[in-house]
Amino acid sequence: RSVSEVLMHVAVGNYWLLAQAGAKIPGNTPPIAPDLEKKTTKKDDVLRWLGNSFAAVRAAYPQADKAKAVKFAGRASTAEAVFLRLLVHNHEHMGQMIAYTRSMGIKPPWSKD
């Protein structure tokens, strides 16, 4: 997968997981087409989607009824558990992107001398 596909996967995943937690998706969010991850490749577009999705998560979490019962992955769950899955999903891909950029010889900002 390309970098843009991974970042778009994270953005789309943020919105999907917010919906699974019962959180409100901002009304100005464009429709999420099934092929959005592959079709959105321009850097500015990818960064806009990613930034907006993280802003939506940051806005939704404090407002969420975290004890709310939801069905997630076919099982009874809570909104809080879905938010935790969202966090894990983002960390998985952050690690993937760190490894990918290091393989290209790019050091993360916190690793620089």
C-alpha atoms as a PDB file:
ATOM      1  CA  ARG A   1       0.000   0.000   0.000  1.00  0.00           C
ATOM      2  CA  SER A   2       1.116   3.525  -0.681  1.00  0.00           C
ATOM      3  CA  VAL A   3       1.590   6.119   2.039  1.00  0.00           C
ATOM      4  CA  SER A   4      -1.520   7.963   0.873  1.00  0.00           C
ATOM      5  CA  GLU A   5      -3.573   4.741   1.056  1.00  0.00           C
ATOM      6  CA  VAL A   6      -2.447   4.051   4.625  1.00  0.00           C
ATOM      7  CA  LEU A   7      -3.154   7.612   5.748  1.00  0.00           C
ATOM      8  CA  MET A   8      -6.547   7.593   4.038  1.00  0.00           C
ATOM      9  CA  HIS A   9      -7.264   4.218   5.651  1.00  0.00           C
ATOM     10  CA  VAL A  10      -6.618   5.835   9.036  1.00  0.00           C
ATOM     11  CA  ALA A  11      -8.879   8.795   8.193  1.00  0.00           C
ATOM     12  CA  VAL A  12     -11.720   6.592   6.941  1.00  0.00           C
ATOM     13  CA  GLY A  13     -11.225   4.281   9.916  1.00  0.00           C
ATOM     14  CA  ASN A  14     -11.543   7.215  12.308  1.00  0.00           C
ATOM     15  CA  TYR A  15     -14.925   8.139  10.860  1.00  0.00           C
ATOM     16  CA  TRP A  16     -16.119   4.534  10.718  1.00  0.00           C
ATOM     17  CA  LEU A  17     -15.101   3.833  14.306  1.00  0.00           C
ATOM     18  CA  LEU A  18     -16.715   7.077  15.484  1.00  0.00           C
ATOM     19  CA  ALA A  19     -19.950   5.943  13.889  1.00  0.00           C
ATOM     20  CA  GLN A  20     -19.625   2.531  15.556  1.00  0.00           C
ATOM     21  CA  ALA A  21     -19.243   4.280  18.916  1.00  0.00           C
ATOM     22  CA  GLY A  22     -22.469   6.163  18.241  1.00  0.00           C
ATOM     23  CA  ALA A  23     -20.667   9.502  17.960  1.00  0.00           C
ATOM     24  CA  LYS A  24     -21.885  12.236  15.676  1.00  0.00           C
ATOM     25  CA  ILE A  25     -19.922  12.644  12.437  1.00  0.00           C
ATOM     26  CA  PRO A  26     -19.492  16.338  11.542  1.00  0.00           C
ATOM     27  CA  GLY A  27     -22.121  17.442   9.047  1.00  0.00           C
ATOM     28  CA  ASN A  28     -19.505  18.873   6.680  1.00  0.00           C
ATOM     29  CA  THR A  29     -17.820  15.478   6.206  1.00  0.00           C
ATOM     30  CA  PRO A  30     -18.004  14.502   2.531  1.00  0.00           C
ATOM     31  CA  PRO A  31     -19.493  11.101   1.688  1.00  0.00           C
ATOM     32  CA  ILE A  32     -17.009   8.284   2.160  1.00  0.00           C
ATOM     33  CA  ALA A  33     -16.991   6.253  -1.033  1.00  0.00           C
ATOM     34  CA  PRO A  34     -15.799   2.623  -0.871  1.00  0.00           C
ATOM     35  CA  ASP A  35     -12.743   3.428  -3.019  1.00  0.00           C
ATOM     36  CA  LEU A  36     -11.816   6.690  -1.261  1.00  0.00           C
ATOM     37  CA  GLU A  37      -8.606   5.209   0.184  1.00  0.00           C
ATOM     38  CA  LYS A  38      -7.241   4.420  -3.282  1.00  0.00           C
ATOM     39  CA  LYS A  39      -8.606   7.411  -5.179  1.00  0.00           C
ATOM     40  CA  THR A  40      -7.459  10.150  -2.794  1.00  0.00           C
ATOM     41  CA  THR A  41      -3.754  10.566  -3.526  1.00  0.00           C
ATOM     42  CA  LYS A  42      -3.018  14.306  -3.601  1.00  0.00           C
ATOM     43  CA  LYS A  43      -1.024  15.294  -0.535  1.00  0.00           C
ATOM     44  CA  ASP A  44      -3.258  18.260   0.360  1.00  0.00           C
ATOM     45  CA  ASP A  45      -6.398  16.136   0.068  1.00  0.00           C
ATOM     46  CA  VAL A  46      -4.943  13.306   2.153  1.00  0.00           C
ATOM     47  CA  LEU A  47      -3.765  15.695   4.866  1.00  0.00           C
ATOM     48  CA  ARG A  48      -7.155  17.451   4.912  1.00  0.00           C
ATOM     49  CA  TRP A  49      -9.017  14.144   5.345  1.00  0.00           C
ATOM     50  CA  LEU A  50      -6.586  12.973   8.016  1.00  0.00           C
ATOM     51  CA  GLY A  51      -6.625  16.256   9.939  1.00  0.00           C
ATOM     52  CA  ASN A  52     -10.412  16.549   9.799  1.00  0.00           C
ATOM     53  CA  SER A  53     -10.865  12.965  10.971  1.00  0.00           C
ATOM     54  CA  PHE A  54      -8.600  13.510  13.978  1.00  0.00           C
ATOM     55  CA  ALA A  55     -10.415  16.773  14.765  1.00  0.00           C
ATOM     56  CA  ALA A  56     -13.707  14.852  14.666  1.00  0.00           C
ATOM     57  CA  VAL A  57     -12.325  12.273  17.111  1.00  0.00           C
ATOM     58  CA  ARG A  58     -11.001  14.965  19.467  1.00  0.00           C
ATOM     59  CA  ALA A  59     -14.378  16.747  19.392  1.00  0.00           C
ATOM     60  CA  ALA A  60     -16.454  13.579  19.820  1.00  0.00           C
ATOM     61  CA  TYR A  61     -14.621  11.868  22.663  1.00  0.00           C
ATOM     62  CA  PRO A  62     -15.315  14.357  25.485  1.00  0.00           C
ATOM     63  CA  GLN A  63     -18.989  14.526  24.467  1.00  0.00           C
ATOM     64  CA  ALA A  64     -19.493  10.765  24.131  1.00  0.00           C
ATOM     65  CA  ASP A  65     -21.562   8.650  26.466  1.00  0.00           C
ATOM     66  CA  LYS A  66     -18.745   6.200  27.007  1.00  0.00           C
ATOM     67  CA  ALA A  67     -20.906   3.697  28.880  1.00  0.00           C
ATOM     68  CA  LYS A  68     -23.403   3.564  25.998  1.00  0.00           C
ATOM     69  CA  ALA A  69     -24.102  -0.004  24.879  1.00  0.00           C
ATOM     70  CA  VAL A  70     -23.203  -0.573  21.228  1.00  0.00           C
ATOM     71  CA  LYS A  71     -22.766  -3.563  18.984  1.00  0.00           C
ATOM     72  CA  PHE A  72     -19.252  -3.766  17.576  1.00  0.00           C
ATOM     73  CA  ALA A  73     -17.793  -6.573  15.479  1.00  0.00           C
ATOM     74  CA  GLY A  74     -20.916  -8.608  16.138  1.00  0.00           C
ATOM     75  CA  ARG A  75     -20.623  -8.381  19.914  1.00  0.00           C
ATOM     76  CA  ALA A  76     -22.107  -6.329  22.706  1.00  0.00           C
ATOM     77  CA  SER A  77     -19.689  -3.575  23.621  1.00  0.00           C
ATOM     78  CA  THR A  78     -19.498  -0.014  24.885  1.00  0.00           C
ATOM     79  CA  ALA A  79     -18.672   3.235  23.162  1.00  0.00           C
ATOM     80  CA  GLU A  80     -15.543   3.432  25.336  1.00  0.00           C
ATOM     81  CA  ALA A  81     -14.302   0.078  23.999  1.00  0.00           C
ATOM     82  CA  VAL A  82     -14.798   1.298  20.425  1.00  0.00           C
ATOM     83  CA  PHE A  83     -12.845   4.478  21.197  1.00  0.00           C
ATOM     84  CA  LEU A  84     -10.077   2.285  22.595  1.00  0.00           C
ATOM     85  CA  ARG A  85     -10.087   0.275  19.362  1.00  0.00           C
ATOM     86  CA  LEU A  86      -9.817   3.552  17.443  1.00  0.00           C
ATOM     87  CA  LEU A  87      -6.739   4.457  19.476  1.00  0.00           C
ATOM     88  CA  VAL A  88      -5.180   1.028  18.909  1.00  0.00           C
ATOM     89  CA  HIS A  89      -5.904   1.238  15.175  1.00  0.00           C
ATOM     90  CA  ASN A  90      -4.137   4.590  14.946  1.00  0.00           C
ATOM     91  CA  HIS A  91      -1.140   3.351  16.924  1.00  0.00           C
ATOM     92  CA  GLU A  92      -0.809   0.279  14.711  1.00  0.00           C
ATOM     93  CA  HIS A  93      -0.579   2.459  11.635  1.00  0.00           C
ATOM     94  CA  MET A  94       1.689   5.012  13.315  1.00  0.00           C
ATOM     95  CA  GLY A  95       4.160   2.207  13.978  1.00  0.00           C
ATOM     96  CA  GLN A  96       3.807   1.029  10.402  1.00  0.00           C
ATOM     97  CA  MET A  97       4.510   4.531   9.069  1.00  0.00           C
ATOM     98  CA  ILE A  98       7.520   4.980  11.360  1.00  0.00           C
ATOM     99  CA  ALA A  99       9.016   1.726  10.083  1.00  0.00           C
ATOM    100  CA  TYR A 100       8.236   2.688   6.495  1.00  0.00           C
ATOM    101  CA  THR A 101       9.816   6.137   6.741  1.00  0.00           C
ATOM    102  CA  ARG A 102      12.881   4.779   8.547  1.00  0.00           C
ATOM    103  CA  SER A 103      13.335   2.228   5.757  1.00  0.00           C
ATOM    104  CA  MET A 104      13.526   5.232   3.406  1.00  0.00           C
ATOM    105  CA  GLY A 105      16.219   6.828   5.575  1.00  0.00           C
ATOM    106  CA  ILE A 106      13.931   9.407   7.181  1.00  0.00           C
ATOM    107  CA  LYS A 107      14.266   9.805  10.944  1.00  0.00           C
ATOM    108  CA  PRO A 108      11.214  10.742  12.997  1.00  0.00           C
ATOM    109  CA  PRO A 109      11.574  14.216  14.558  1.00  0.00           C
ATOM    110  CA  TRP A 110      12.026  12.775  18.057  1.00  0.00           C
ATOM    111  CA  SER A 111      14.995  10.642  16.869  1.00  0.00           C
ATOM    112  CA  LYS A 112      17.027  13.479  15.393  1.00  0.00           C
ATOM    113  CA  ASP A 113      20.242  14.557  17.051  1.00  0.00           C
END
